[in-house]
PDB file of N, CA and C in Angstrom:
ATOM      1  N   MET A   1      -1.282 -16.745 -16.377  1.00  0.00           N
ATOM      2  CA  MET A   1      -0.700 -18.144 -17.358  1.00  0.00           C
ATOM      3  C   MET A   1      -0.653 -17.250 -18.577  1.00  0.00           C
ATOM      4  N   LEU A   2       0.436 -17.579 -19.577  1.00  0.00           N
ATOM      5  CA  LEU A   2       0.601 -16.765 -20.452  1.00  0.00           C
ATOM      6  C   LEU A   2       0.064 -17.461 -21.500  1.00  0.00           C
ATOM      7  N   ARG A   3      -0.323 -17.039 -22.545  1.00  0.00           N
ATOM      8  CA  ARG A   3      -0.742 -17.719 -23.718  1.00  0.00           C
ATOM      9  C   ARG A   3       0.610 -18.644 -24.284  1.00  0.00           C
ATOM     10  N   ASP A   4       0.466 -19.658 -25.061  1.00  0.00           N
ATOM     11  CA  ASP A   4       1.364 -20.711 -25.787  1.00  0.00           C
ATOM     12  C   ASP A   4       2.132 -19.891 -26.780  1.00  0.00           C
ATOM     13  N   ASP A   5       1.205 -18.991 -27.759  1.00  0.00           N
ATOM     14  CA  ASP A   5       1.223 -18.653 -29.062  1.00  0.00           C
ATOM     15  C   ASP A   5       2.289 -17.193 -28.955  1.00  0.00           C
ATOM     16  N   ILE A   6       2.513 -16.654 -27.675  1.00  0.00           N
ATOM     17  CA  ILE A   6       3.364 -15.504 -27.737  1.00  0.00           C
ATOM     18  C   ILE A   6       4.707 -15.911 -27.962  1.00  0.00           C
ATOM     19  N   ASP A   7       5.276 -15.118 -29.113  1.00  0.00           N
ATOM     20  CA  ASP A   7       6.585 -15.250 -29.209  1.00  0.00           C
ATOM     21  C   ASP A   7       7.600 -14.770 -28.259  1.00  0.00           C
ATOM     22  N   PRO A   8       8.703 -15.721 -27.957  1.00  0.00           N
ATOM     23  CA  PRO A   8       9.139 -15.483 -26.976  1.00  0.00           C
ATOM     24  C   PRO A   8      10.218 -13.904 -26.917  1.00  0.00           C
ATOM     25  N   ALA A   9      10.720 -13.615 -28.151  1.00  0.00           N
ATOM     26  CA  ALA A   9      11.255 -12.413 -28.201  1.00  0.00           C
ATOM     27  C   ALA A   9      10.088 -11.318 -27.800  1.00  0.00           C
ATOM     28  N   ILE A  10       8.979 -11.378 -27.785  1.00  0.00           N
ATOM     29  CA  ILE A  10       8.031 -10.218 -27.535  1.00  0.00           C
ATOM     30  C   ILE A  10       8.127 -10.108 -26.194  1.00  0.00           C
ATOM     31  N   LEU A  11       8.092 -11.498 -25.377  1.00  0.00           N
ATOM     32  CA  LEU A  11       8.158 -11.552 -24.072  1.00  0.00           C
ATOM     33  C   LEU A  11       9.367 -10.725 -23.324  1.00  0.00           C
ATOM     34  N   VAL A  12      10.362 -10.793 -23.862  1.00  0.00           N
ATOM     35  CA  VAL A  12      11.633 -10.730 -23.572  1.00  0.00           C
ATOM     36  C   VAL A  12      11.884  -8.891 -23.569  1.00  0.00           C
ATOM     37  N   ASP A  13      11.305  -8.503 -24.855  1.00  0.00           N
ATOM     38  CA  ASP A  13      11.017  -6.714 -25.065  1.00  0.00           C
ATOM     39  C   ASP A  13      10.012  -6.418 -23.655  1.00  0.00           C
ATOM     40  N   PHE A  14       9.017  -7.044 -23.878  1.00  0.00           N
ATOM     41  CA  PHE A  14       7.816  -6.388 -22.920  1.00  0.00           C
ATOM     42  C   PHE A  14       8.563  -6.139 -21.734  1.00  0.00           C
ATOM     43  N   TYR A  15       9.301  -7.782 -21.014  1.00  0.00           N
ATOM     44  CA  TYR A  15       9.861  -7.665 -19.764  1.00  0.00           C
ATOM     45  C   TYR A  15      10.748  -6.152 -19.407  1.00  0.00           C
ATOM     46  N   ARG A  16      11.856  -6.011 -20.683  1.00  0.00           N
ATOM     47  CA  ARG A  16      12.854  -5.523 -20.609  1.00  0.00           C
ATOM     48  C   ARG A  16      12.191  -3.967 -20.411  1.00  0.00           C
ATOM     49  N   GLN A  17      10.977  -3.559 -21.017  1.00  0.00           N
ATOM     50  CA  GLN A  17      10.454  -2.282 -20.814  1.00  0.00           C
ATOM     51  C   GLN A  17      10.011  -2.210 -19.388  1.00  0.00           C
ATOM     52  N   VAL A  18       9.302  -3.060 -19.220  1.00  0.00           N
ATOM     53  CA  VAL A  18       9.025  -3.195 -17.916  1.00  0.00           C
ATOM     54  C   VAL A  18      10.124  -2.623 -16.602  1.00  0.00           C
ATOM     55  N   ALA A  19      11.062  -3.449 -16.704  1.00  0.00           N
ATOM     56  CA  ALA A  19      12.273  -3.188 -15.856  1.00  0.00           C
ATOM     57  C   ALA A  19      12.613  -1.796 -15.879  1.00  0.00           C
ATOM     58  N   ARG A  20      12.821  -1.198 -17.431  1.00  0.00           N
ATOM     59  CA  ARG A  20      13.296   0.072 -17.388  1.00  0.00           C
ATOM     60  C   ARG A  20      12.197   1.066 -16.637  1.00  0.00           C
ATOM     61  N   PHE A  21      11.295   0.880 -16.794  1.00  0.00           N
ATOM     62  CA  PHE A  21      10.119   1.679 -16.229  1.00  0.00           C
ATOM     63  C   PHE A  21       9.951   1.682 -14.735  1.00  0.00           C
ATOM     64  N   LEU A  22      10.114   0.365 -14.382  1.00  0.00           N
ATOM     65  CA  LEU A  22      10.574   0.432 -12.680  1.00  0.00           C
ATOM     66  C   LEU A  22      11.821   1.026 -12.250  1.00  0.00           C
ATOM     67  N   LEU A  23      12.835   1.072 -13.079  1.00  0.00           N
ATOM     68  CA  LEU A  23      14.140   1.502 -12.608  1.00  0.00           C
ATOM     69  C   LEU A  23      13.727   2.910 -12.881  1.00  0.00           C
ATOM     70  N   GLU A  24      13.105   3.794 -13.888  1.00  0.00           N
ATOM     71  CA  GLU A  24      12.985   4.893 -13.457  1.00  0.00           C
ATOM     72  C   GLU A  24      11.970   5.468 -12.468  1.00  0.00           C
ATOM     73  N   LEU A  25      11.101   4.841 -12.360  1.00  0.00           N
ATOM     74  CA  LEU A  25      10.048   4.990 -11.365  1.00  0.00           C
ATOM     75  C   LEU A  25      10.739   5.050  -9.921  1.00  0.00           C
ATOM     76  N   ALA A  26      11.768   4.414  -9.644  1.00  0.00           N
ATOM     77  CA  ALA A  26      12.428   4.254  -8.516  1.00  0.00           C
ATOM     78  C   ALA A  26      13.344   5.596  -8.128  1.00  0.00           C
ATOM     79  N   ASP A  27      13.481   6.197  -9.112  1.00  0.00           N
ATOM     80  CA  ASP A  27      14.258   7.447  -9.062  1.00  0.00           C
ATOM     81  C   ASP A  27      14.034   8.332  -8.437  1.00  0.00           C
ATOM     82  N   VAL A  28      12.475   8.379  -8.849  1.00  0.00           N
ATOM     83  CA  VAL A  28      11.723   9.543  -8.586  1.00  0.00           C
ATOM     84  C   VAL A  28      11.298   9.977  -7.063  1.00  0.00           C
ATOM     85  N   GLU A  29      11.519  11.261  -6.735  1.00  0.00           N
ATOM     86  CA  GLU A  29      11.479  11.275  -5.420  1.00  0.00           C
ATOM     87  C   GLU A  29      10.182  12.318  -5.308  1.00  0.00           C
ATOM     88  N   PHE A  30       9.577  12.372  -4.214  1.00  0.00           N
ATOM     89  CA  PHE A  30       8.343  13.027  -4.061  1.00  0.00           C
ATOM     90  C   PHE A  30       8.269  13.607  -2.654  1.00  0.00           C
ATOM     91  N   SER A  31       7.695  14.985  -2.358  1.00  0.00           N
ATOM     92  CA  SER A  31       7.759  15.591  -1.572  1.00  0.00           C
ATOM     93  C   SER A  31       6.681  15.216  -0.011  1.00  0.00           C
ATOM     94  N   SER A  32       5.655  13.897  -0.500  1.00  0.00           N
ATOM     95  CA  SER A  32       4.973  13.545   0.626  1.00  0.00           C
ATOM     96  C   SER A  32       4.240  12.285  -0.204  1.00  0.00           C
ATOM     97  N   VAL A  33       3.569  11.530   0.696  1.00  0.00           N
ATOM     98  CA  VAL A  33       2.900  10.426  -0.069  1.00  0.00           C
ATOM     99  C   VAL A  33       1.363  10.400  -0.030  1.00  0.00           C
ATOM    100  N   GLY A  34       0.535  10.559  -1.065  1.00  0.00           N
ATOM    101  CA  GLY A  34      -0.709  10.845  -0.899  1.00  0.00           C
ATOM    102  C   GLY A  34      -1.303  10.618  -2.070  1.00  0.00           C
ATOM    103  N   THR A  35      -2.403  10.982  -2.460  1.00  0.00           N
ATOM    104  CA  THR A  35      -3.475  11.082  -3.552  1.00  0.00           C
ATOM    105  C   THR A  35      -3.090  12.407  -4.346  1.00  0.00           C
ATOM    106  N   ILE A  36      -2.710  11.828  -5.545  1.00  0.00           N
ATOM    107  CA  ILE A  36      -2.320  13.128  -6.429  1.00  0.00           C
ATOM    108  C   ILE A  36      -3.441  13.756  -7.253  1.00  0.00           C
ATOM    109  N   VAL A  37      -3.600  15.257  -7.094  1.00  0.00           N
ATOM    110  CA  VAL A  37      -4.876  15.743  -7.524  1.00  0.00           C
ATOM    111  C   VAL A  37      -4.402  16.783  -8.430  1.00  0.00           C
ATOM    112  N   GLU A  38      -5.229  17.135  -9.620  1.00  0.00           N
ATOM    113  CA  GLU A  38      -4.771  17.883 -10.710  1.00  0.00           C
ATOM    114  C   GLU A  38      -5.842  19.413 -10.517  1.00  0.00           C
ATOM    115  N   GLU A  39      -4.840  20.406 -10.247  1.00  0.00           N
ATOM    116  CA  GLU A  39      -5.599  21.689 -10.034  1.00  0.00           C
ATOM    117  C   GLU A  39      -4.936  22.750 -11.106  1.00  0.00           C
ATOM    118  N   GLU A  40      -5.459  23.146 -12.075  1.00  0.00           N
ATOM    119  CA  GLU A  40      -5.272  24.155 -13.109  1.00  0.00           C
ATOM    120  C   GLU A  40      -4.005  23.837 -13.380  1.00  0.00           C
ATOM    121  N   ASP A  41      -3.898  22.982 -14.464  1.00  0.00           N
ATOM    122  CA  ASP A  41      -2.555  22.466 -15.124  1.00  0.00           C
ATOM    123  C   ASP A  41      -1.519  22.192 -13.919  1.00  0.00           C
ATOM    124  N   MET A  42      -1.651  21.975 -12.497  1.00  0.00           N
ATOM    125  CA  MET A  42      -0.729  21.425 -11.817  1.00  0.00           C
ATOM    126  C   MET A  42      -1.093  20.595 -10.813  1.00  0.00           C
ATOM    127  N   PHE A  43      -0.278  19.512 -10.270  1.00  0.00           N
ATOM    128  CA  PHE A  43      -0.660  18.659  -9.523  1.00  0.00           C
ATOM    129  C   PHE A  43      -0.093  18.697  -8.348  1.00  0.00           C
ATOM    130  N   GLY A  44      -0.883  18.431  -7.174  1.00  0.00           N
ATOM    131  CA  GLY A  44      -0.572  18.132  -5.698  1.00  0.00           C
ATOM    132  C   GLY A  44      -0.996  17.162  -5.023  1.00  0.00           C
ATOM    133  N   VAL A  45      -0.452  17.164  -3.877  1.00  0.00           N
ATOM    134  CA  VAL A  45      -0.816  16.432  -2.799  1.00  0.00           C
ATOM    135  C   VAL A  45      -1.675  16.519  -2.047  1.00  0.00           C
ATOM    136  N   GLU A  46      -3.087  16.279  -1.762  1.00  0.00           N
ATOM    137  CA  GLU A  46      -3.868  17.070  -0.589  1.00  0.00           C
ATOM    138  C   GLU A  46      -4.397  16.029   0.485  1.00  0.00           C
ATOM    139  N   SER A  47      -4.440  15.091   0.408  1.00  0.00           N
ATOM    140  CA  SER A  47      -4.898  14.006   1.095  1.00  0.00           C
ATOM    141  C   SER A  47      -3.911  12.881   1.184  1.00  0.00           C
ATOM    142  N   GLY A  48      -4.019  11.488   2.331  1.00  0.00           N
ATOM    143  CA  GLY A  48      -3.296  10.665   2.109  1.00  0.00           C
ATOM    144  C   GLY A  48      -3.687   9.506   1.227  1.00  0.00           C
ATOM    145  N   PRO A  49      -3.025   8.545   0.793  1.00  0.00           N
ATOM    146  CA  PRO A  49      -3.191   7.636   0.045  1.00  0.00           C
ATOM    147  C   PRO A  49      -4.270   6.623   0.024  1.00  0.00           C
ATOM    148  N   THR A  50      -4.871   5.967  -0.659  1.00  0.00           N
ATOM    149  CA  THR A  50      -5.906   5.069  -0.299  1.00  0.00           C
ATOM    150  C   THR A  50      -5.202   3.462  -0.843  1.00  0.00           C
ATOM    151  N   SER A  51      -5.171   2.514  -0.044  1.00  0.00           N
ATOM    152  CA  SER A  51      -4.789   1.436  -0.392  1.00  0.00           C
ATOM    153  C   SER A  51      -6.086   0.662  -0.673  1.00  0.00           C
ATOM    154  N   VAL A  52      -5.909  -0.648  -1.441  1.00  0.00           N
ATOM    155  CA  VAL A  52      -6.869  -1.557  -1.590  1.00  0.00           C
ATOM    156  C   VAL A  52      -7.868  -2.043  -0.219  1.00  0.00           C
ATOM    157  N   LYS A  53      -6.927  -2.096   0.843  1.00  0.00           N
ATOM    158  CA  LYS A  53      -7.391  -2.778   1.882  1.00  0.00           C
ATOM    159  C   LYS A  53      -8.477  -1.767   2.836  1.00  0.00           C
ATOM    160  N   MET A  54      -7.573  -0.257   2.300  1.00  0.00           N
ATOM    161  CA  MET A  54      -8.443   0.712   3.151  1.00  0.00           C
ATOM    162  C   MET A  54      -9.797   0.813   2.601  1.00  0.00           C
ATOM    163  N   ASN A  55      -9.899   0.591   1.124  1.00  0.00           N
ATOM    164  CA  ASN A  55     -10.871   0.839   0.297  1.00  0.00           C
ATOM    165  C   ASN A  55     -11.806  -0.507   0.684  1.00  0.00           C
ATOM    166  N   ASP A  56     -11.463  -1.617   0.684  1.00  0.00           N
ATOM    167  CA  ASP A  56     -12.522  -2.522   1.429  1.00  0.00           C
ATOM    168  C   ASP A  56     -12.759  -2.515   2.520  1.00  0.00           C
ATOM    169  N   ILE A  57     -11.965  -1.552   3.813  1.00  0.00           N
ATOM    170  CA  ILE A  57     -12.806  -1.660   5.307  1.00  0.00           C
ATOM    171  C   ILE A  57     -13.780  -0.467   4.813  1.00  0.00           C
ATOM    172  N   GLU A  58     -13.600   0.463   4.380  1.00  0.00           N
ATOM    173  CA  GLU A  58     -14.630   1.206   4.135  1.00  0.00           C
ATOM    174  C   GLU A  58     -15.715   0.843   3.460  1.00  0.00           C
ATOM    175  N   ARG A  59     -15.653   0.011   2.124  1.00  0.00           N
ATOM    176  CA  ARG A  59     -16.862  -0.719   1.698  1.00  0.00           C
ATOM    177  C   ARG A  59     -17.636  -1.721   2.544  1.00  0.00           C
ATOM    178  N   GLN A  60     -16.945  -2.612   3.049  1.00  0.00           N
ATOM    179  CA  GLN A  60     -17.872  -3.663   3.948  1.00  0.00           C
ATOM    180  C   GLN A  60     -17.968  -3.203   5.226  1.00  0.00           C
ATOM    181  N   ASP A  61     -17.224  -2.634   5.899  1.00  0.00           N
ATOM    182  CA  ASP A  61     -17.570  -2.087   7.211  1.00  0.00           C
ATOM    183  C   ASP A  61     -17.920  -0.899   7.545  1.00  0.00           C
ATOM    184  N   GLY A  62     -18.307   0.007   6.324  1.00  0.00           N
ATOM    185  CA  GLY A  62     -18.815   1.315   6.639  1.00  0.00           C
ATOM    186  C   GLY A  62     -17.753   2.401   7.555  1.00  0.00           C
ATOM    187  N   ILE A  63     -16.668   1.968   7.621  1.00  0.00           N
ATOM    188  CA  ILE A  63     -15.583   3.227   8.248  1.00  0.00           C
ATOM    189  C   ILE A  63     -15.456   3.903   7.349  1.00  0.00           C
ATOM    190  N   SER A  64     -15.429   5.126   7.521  1.00  0.00           N
ATOM    191  CA  SER A  64     -14.966   6.323   6.668  1.00  0.00           C
ATOM    192  C   SER A  64     -13.013   6.597   7.059  1.00  0.00           C
ATOM    193  N   LEU A  65     -12.286   6.213   6.187  1.00  0.00           N
ATOM    194  CA  LEU A  65     -10.846   6.099   6.614  1.00  0.00           C
ATOM    195  C   LEU A  65     -10.098   7.311   5.857  1.00  0.00           C
ATOM    196  N   ARG A  66     -10.570   7.755   4.745  1.00  0.00           N
ATOM    197  CA  ARG A  66     -10.049   8.768   3.999  1.00  0.00           C
ATOM    198  C   ARG A  66     -10.463   9.970   4.593  1.00  0.00           C
ATOM    199  N   ALA A  67     -11.385  10.346   5.112  1.00  0.00           N
ATOM    200  CA  ALA A  67     -11.399  11.675   5.606  1.00  0.00           C
ATOM    201  C   ALA A  67     -10.386  12.266   6.570  1.00  0.00           C
ATOM    202  N   SER A  68     -10.197  11.541   7.342  1.00  0.00           N
ATOM    203  CA  SER A  68      -8.841  12.038   8.483  1.00  0.00           C
ATOM    204  C   SER A  68      -7.496  11.695   7.836  1.00  0.00           C
ATOM    205  N   ILE A  69      -7.337  11.430   6.972  1.00  0.00           N
ATOM    206  CA  ILE A  69      -5.661  10.737   6.452  1.00  0.00           C
ATOM    207  C   ILE A  69      -5.276  12.210   5.656  1.00  0.00           C
ATOM    208  N   LYS A  70      -4.284  12.864   6.241  1.00  0.00           N
ATOM    209  CA  LYS A  70      -3.583  13.673   5.360  1.00  0.00           C
ATOM    210  C   LYS A  70      -2.137  13.015   4.739  1.00  0.00           C
ATOM    211  N   PRO A  71      -1.569  14.040   4.021  1.00  0.00           N
ATOM    212  CA  PRO A  71      -0.693  13.380   3.386  1.00  0.00           C
ATOM    213  C   PRO A  71       0.642  12.837   4.132  1.00  0.00           C
ATOM    214  N   PHE A  72       1.524  11.788   3.983  1.00  0.00           N
ATOM    215  CA  PHE A  72       2.349  11.481   4.798  1.00  0.00           C
ATOM    216  C   PHE A  72       3.539  12.242   4.284  1.00  0.00           C
ATOM    217  N   LYS A  73       4.682  12.412   5.071  1.00  0.00           N
ATOM    218  CA  LYS A  73       5.906  13.138   4.945  1.00  0.00           C
ATOM    219  C   LYS A  73       7.108  11.936   4.681  1.00  0.00           C
ATOM    220  N   THR A  74       6.865  10.836   5.045  1.00  0.00           N
ATOM    221  CA  THR A  74       8.072   9.932   4.626  1.00  0.00           C
ATOM    222  C   THR A  74       7.182   8.292   4.261  1.00  0.00           C
ATOM    223  N   THR A  75       7.706   7.310   3.697  1.00  0.00           N
ATOM    224  CA  THR A  75       7.395   5.953   3.341  1.00  0.00           C
ATOM    225  C   THR A  75       7.138   5.540   4.516  1.00  0.00           C
ATOM    226  N   THR A  76       7.653   5.493   5.494  1.00  0.00           N
ATOM    227  CA  THR A  76       7.737   4.603   7.008  1.00  0.00           C
ATOM    228  C   THR A  76       6.622   5.397   7.567  1.00  0.00           C
ATOM    229  N   GLU A  77       6.241   6.463   7.730  1.00  0.00           N
ATOM    230  CA  GLU A  77       5.079   7.284   8.281  1.00  0.00           C
ATOM    231  C   GLU A  77       3.645   6.096   7.403  1.00  0.00           C
ATOM    232  N   PHE A  78       4.020   6.350   6.419  1.00  0.00           N
ATOM    233  CA  PHE A  78       2.536   5.688   5.559  1.00  0.00           C
ATOM    234  C   PHE A  78       2.396   4.580   6.057  1.00  0.00           C
ATOM    235  N   PHE A  79       3.722   3.583   5.796  1.00  0.00           N
ATOM    236  CA  PHE A  79       3.546   2.246   6.404  1.00  0.00           C
ATOM    237  C   PHE A  79       3.079   1.905   7.828  1.00  0.00           C
ATOM    238  N   GLU A  80       3.428   2.853   8.562  1.00  0.00           N
ATOM    239  CA  GLU A  80       2.989   2.847  10.100  1.00  0.00           C
ATOM    240  C   GLU A  80       1.802   3.127  10.149  1.00  0.00           C
ATOM    241  N   HIS A  81       1.037   3.777   9.577  1.00  0.00           N
ATOM    242  CA  HIS A  81      -0.268   4.261   9.281  1.00  0.00           C
ATOM    243  C   HIS A  81      -1.039   2.998   9.043  1.00  0.00           C
ATOM    244  N   VAL A  82      -0.848   2.570   7.724  1.00  0.00           N
ATOM    245  CA  VAL A  82      -1.464   1.018   7.517  1.00  0.00           C
ATOM    246  C   VAL A  82      -1.518  -0.003   8.254  1.00  0.00           C
ATOM    247  N   LEU A  83      -0.222  -0.083   9.014  1.00  0.00           N
ATOM    248  CA  LEU A  83      -0.090  -1.293   9.890  1.00  0.00           C
ATOM    249  C   LEU A  83      -0.784  -1.173  11.167  1.00  0.00           C
ATOM    250  N   SER A  84      -1.218   0.350  11.576  1.00  0.00           N
ATOM    251  CA  SER A  84      -1.789   0.570  12.832  1.00  0.00           C
ATOM    252  C   SER A  84      -3.194   0.284  12.338  1.00  0.00           C
ATOM    253  N   LEU A  85      -3.899   0.730  11.104  1.00  0.00           N
ATOM    254  CA  LEU A  85      -4.931   0.307  10.269  1.00  0.00           C
ATOM    255  C   LEU A  85      -5.585  -1.114  10.672  1.00  0.00           C
ATOM    256  N   ASP A  86      -4.717  -1.638   9.871  1.00  0.00           N
ATOM    257  CA  ASP A  86      -4.673  -3.264  10.144  1.00  0.00           C
ATOM    258  C   ASP A  86      -4.767  -3.719  11.540  1.00  0.00           C
ATOM    259  N   MET A  87      -4.401  -3.622  12.463  1.00  0.00           N
ATOM    260  CA  MET A  87      -4.101  -3.769  14.015  1.00  0.00           C
ATOM    261  C   MET A  87      -5.273  -3.468  14.457  1.00  0.00           C
ATOM    262  N   GLU A  88      -5.918  -2.220  14.018  1.00  0.00           N
ATOM    263  CA  GLU A  88      -7.450  -1.574  14.505  1.00  0.00           C
ATOM    264  C   GLU A  88      -8.229  -2.509  13.996  1.00  0.00           C
ATOM    265  N   HIS A  89      -8.458  -3.026  12.598  1.00  0.00           N
ATOM    266  CA  HIS A  89      -9.426  -3.660  11.758  1.00  0.00           C
ATOM    267  C   HIS A  89      -9.458  -4.923  12.865  1.00  0.00           C
ATOM    268  N   LEU A  90      -8.240  -5.470  12.918  1.00  0.00           N
ATOM    269  CA  LEU A  90      -8.137  -6.909  13.707  1.00  0.00           C
ATOM    270  C   LEU A  90      -8.681  -6.932  14.901  1.00  0.00           C
ATOM    271  N   ARG A  91      -8.553  -5.813  15.871  1.00  0.00           N
ATOM    272  CA  ARG A  91      -8.850  -5.527  17.086  1.00  0.00           C
ATOM    273  C   ARG A  91     -10.508  -5.480  17.403  1.00  0.00           C
ATOM    274  N   PHE A  92     -10.782  -4.721  16.421  1.00  0.00           N
ATOM    275  CA  PHE A  92     -12.484  -4.226  16.930  1.00  0.00           C
ATOM    276  C   PHE A  92     -13.236  -4.541  15.920  1.00  0.00           C
ATOM    277  N   HIS A  93     -12.676  -5.540  14.782  1.00  0.00           N
ATOM    278  CA  HIS A  93     -13.831  -6.578  14.109  1.00  0.00           C
ATOM    279  C   HIS A  93     -13.818  -7.560  13.850  1.00  0.00           C
ATOM    280  N   PRO A  94     -14.306  -8.329  14.653  1.00  0.00           N
ATOM    281  CA  PRO A  94     -14.539  -9.771  14.960  1.00  0.00           C
ATOM    282  C   PRO A  94     -14.500 -10.268  13.541  1.00  0.00           C
ATOM    283  N   GLY A  95     -15.310  -9.859  12.424  1.00  0.00           N
ATOM    284  CA  GLY A  95     -15.540 -10.713  11.507  1.00  0.00           C
ATOM    285  C   GLY A  95     -14.473 -10.726  10.636  1.00  0.00           C
ATOM    286  N   SER A  96     -13.151 -10.009  10.502  1.00  0.00           N
ATOM    287  CA  SER A  96     -11.848 -10.082  10.016  1.00  0.00           C
ATOM    288  C   SER A  96     -11.214 -11.346  10.570  1.00  0.00           C
ATOM    289  N   VAL A  97     -11.844 -12.296  11.131  1.00  0.00           N
ATOM    290  CA  VAL A  97     -10.982 -13.574  11.684  1.00  0.00           C
ATOM    291  C   VAL A  97     -11.917 -14.551  11.876  1.00  0.00           C
ATOM    292  N   ARG A  98     -11.407 -15.994  11.326  1.00  0.00           N
ATOM    293  CA  ARG A  98     -12.368 -17.332  11.522  1.00  0.00           C
ATOM    294  C   ARG A  98     -12.381 -17.631  12.882  1.00  0.00           C
ATOM    295  N   ASP A  99     -11.186 -17.409  13.794  1.00  0.00           N
ATOM    296  CA  ASP A  99     -11.297 -18.136  14.832  1.00  0.00           C
ATOM    297  C   ASP A  99     -10.068 -17.542  15.919  1.00  0.00           C
ATOM    298  N   ARG A 100     -10.209 -17.983  16.717  1.00  0.00           N
ATOM    299  CA  ARG A 100      -8.848 -17.512  18.003  1.00  0.00           C
ATOM    300  C   ARG A 100      -7.527 -17.608  17.279  1.00  0.00           C
ATOM    301  N   GLU A 101      -7.414 -19.228  16.617  1.00  0.00           N
ATOM    302  CA  GLU A 101      -5.935 -18.997  15.937  1.00  0.00           C
ATOM    303  C   GLU A 101      -5.888 -18.379  14.997  1.00  0.00           C
ATOM    304  N   ASP A 102      -6.989 -18.040  14.206  1.00  0.00           N
ATOM    305  CA  ASP A 102      -6.711 -17.226  12.979  1.00  0.00           C
ATOM    306  C   ASP A 102      -6.362 -15.675  13.597  1.00  0.00           C
ATOM    307  N   ALA A 103      -6.882 -15.324  14.597  1.00  0.00           N
ATOM    308  CA  ALA A 103      -6.827 -13.652  15.134  1.00  0.00           C
ATOM    309  C   ALA A 103      -5.119 -14.013  15.595  1.00  0.00           C
ATOM    310  N   ARG A 104      -4.862 -14.967  16.300  1.00  0.00           N
ATOM    311  CA  ARG A 104      -3.335 -14.714  16.504  1.00  0.00           C
ATOM    312  C   ARG A 104      -2.312 -14.886  15.681  1.00  0.00           C
ATOM    313  N   ARG A 105      -3.129 -15.466  14.708  1.00  0.00           N
ATOM    314  CA  ARG A 105      -1.809 -15.735  13.488  1.00  0.00           C
ATOM    315  C   ARG A 105      -1.625 -14.186  12.918  1.00  0.00           C
ATOM    316  N   LYS A 106      -2.531 -13.337  12.888  1.00  0.00           N
ATOM    317  CA  LYS A 106      -3.155 -12.192  12.118  1.00  0.00           C
ATOM    318  C   LYS A 106      -2.403 -11.519  13.029  1.00  0.00           C
ATOM    319  N   TYR A 107      -2.412 -11.289  14.369  1.00  0.00           N
ATOM    320  CA  TYR A 107      -1.494 -10.654  15.048  1.00  0.00           C
ATOM    321  C   TYR A 107      -0.346 -10.568  14.915  1.00  0.00           C
ATOM    322  N   ARG A 108       0.182 -12.145  15.098  1.00  0.00           N
ATOM    323  CA  ARG A 108       1.992 -12.056  15.025  1.00  0.00           C
ATOM    324  C   ARG A 108       2.143 -11.605  13.807  1.00  0.00           C
ATOM    325  N   ARG A 109       1.358 -11.691  12.852  1.00  0.00           N
ATOM    326  CA  ARG A 109       1.978 -11.398  11.283  1.00  0.00           C
ATOM    327  C   ARG A 109       2.104  -9.612  11.112  1.00  0.00           C
ATOM    328  N   LEU A 110       1.036  -9.231  11.949  1.00  0.00           N
ATOM    329  CA  LEU A 110       1.326  -7.652  11.916  1.00  0.00           C
ATOM    330  C   LEU A 110       2.386  -7.154  12.894  1.00  0.00           C
ATOM    331  N   ARG A 111       2.613  -7.857  14.088  1.00  0.00           N
ATOM    332  CA  ARG A 111       3.905  -7.456  14.682  1.00  0.00           C
ATOM    333  C   ARG A 111       5.100  -7.598  14.258  1.00  0.00           C
ATOM    334  N   LYS A 112       5.358  -8.549  13.672  1.00  0.00           N
ATOM    335  CA  LYS A 112       6.340  -9.113  12.703  1.00  0.00           C
ATOM    336  C   LYS A 112       6.720  -8.099  11.669  1.00  0.00           C
ATOM    337  N   LEU A 113       5.681  -7.518  11.062  1.00  0.00           N
ATOM    338  CA  LEU A 113       5.887  -6.620   9.892  1.00  0.00           C
ATOM    339  C   LEU A 113       6.289  -5.157  10.674  1.00  0.00           C
ATOM    340  N   MET A 114       5.289  -4.710  11.673  1.00  0.00           N
ATOM    341  CA  MET A 114       5.989  -3.526  12.570  1.00  0.00           C
ATOM    342  C   MET A 114       7.355  -3.555  13.028  1.00  0.00           C
ATOM    343  N   ASN A 115       7.793  -4.472  13.557  1.00  0.00           N
ATOM    344  CA  ASN A 115       9.376  -5.000  13.827  1.00  0.00           C
ATOM    345  C   ASN A 115      10.337  -4.764  12.712  1.00  0.00           C
ATOM    346  N   LEU A 116       9.874  -4.968  11.735  1.00  0.00           N
ATOM    347  CA  LEU A 116      10.820  -5.458  10.281  1.00  0.00           C
ATOM    348  C   LEU A 116      10.720  -3.983   9.592  1.00  0.00           C
ATOM    349  N   LEU A 117       9.535  -3.176   9.843  1.00  0.00           N
ATOM    350  CA  LEU A 117       9.856  -1.980   9.076  1.00  0.00           C
ATOM    351  C   LEU A 117      10.773  -1.010   8.939  1.00  0.00           C
ATOM    352  N   PRO A 118      11.523  -0.881   9.787  1.00  0.00           N
ATOM    353  CA  PRO A 118      12.588  -0.050  10.140  1.00  0.00           C
ATOM    354  C   PRO A 118      13.675  -0.624   8.939  1.00  0.00           C
ATOM    355  N   ARG A 119      13.546  -1.969   8.995  1.00  0.00           N
ATOM    356  CA  ARG A 119      14.641  -2.582   8.062  1.00  0.00           C
ATOM    357  C   ARG A 119      14.363  -2.480   6.642  1.00  0.00           C
ATOM    358  N   LEU A 120      12.993  -2.522   6.167  1.00  0.00           N
ATOM    359  CA  LEU A 120      12.400  -2.597   5.022  1.00  0.00           C
ATOM    360  C   LEU A 120      12.376  -1.231   4.147  1.00  0.00           C
ATOM    361  N   VAL A 121      11.936  -0.357   4.789  1.00  0.00           N
ATOM    362  CA  VAL A 121      11.906   1.074   4.062  1.00  0.00           C
ATOM    363  C   VAL A 121      13.122   2.046   4.461  1.00  0.00           C
ATOM    364  N   ASP A 122      13.577   2.636   3.427  1.00  0.00           N
ATOM    365  CA  ASP A 122      14.593   3.718   3.690  1.00  0.00           C
ATOM    366  C   ASP A 122      13.975   4.818   4.215  1.00  0.00           C
ATOM    367  N   PRO A 123      14.561   5.086   5.514  1.00  0.00           N
ATOM    368  CA  PRO A 123      14.199   6.105   6.462  1.00  0.00           C
ATOM    369  C   PRO A 123      13.943   7.449   5.711  1.00  0.00           C
ATOM    370  N   ALA A 124      15.067   7.754   4.531  1.00  0.00           N
ATOM    371  CA  ALA A 124      15.112   9.246   3.806  1.00  0.00           C
ATOM    372  C   ALA A 124      13.515   9.535   3.326  1.00  0.00           C
TER     373      ALA A 124
END
């Protein structure tokens, strides 16, 4: 919720800047998907990215997910990996669901996302 005392002109300017930034960011191409590290005035990608969900799984369940993750060559590869981790978490961690119906609902959602992925992500 935004404060009432913010001048609408300031909001318009702010949203315009955010939109420009997002458009510029959409044009950037990377050689891989991963965690950016700095090495002697250079940047590179040495490991796979960490999502909020991956961090939560590590923290709550004590499962180390980062050690085995290499950078991904494509966005599709990355999202397939994330969805497979979600499916694995659903299957092997009973605490991730409330009851049988919740498990079915989450399973169906994950399957739908897996099926939609090729249409949602640019294969290049």
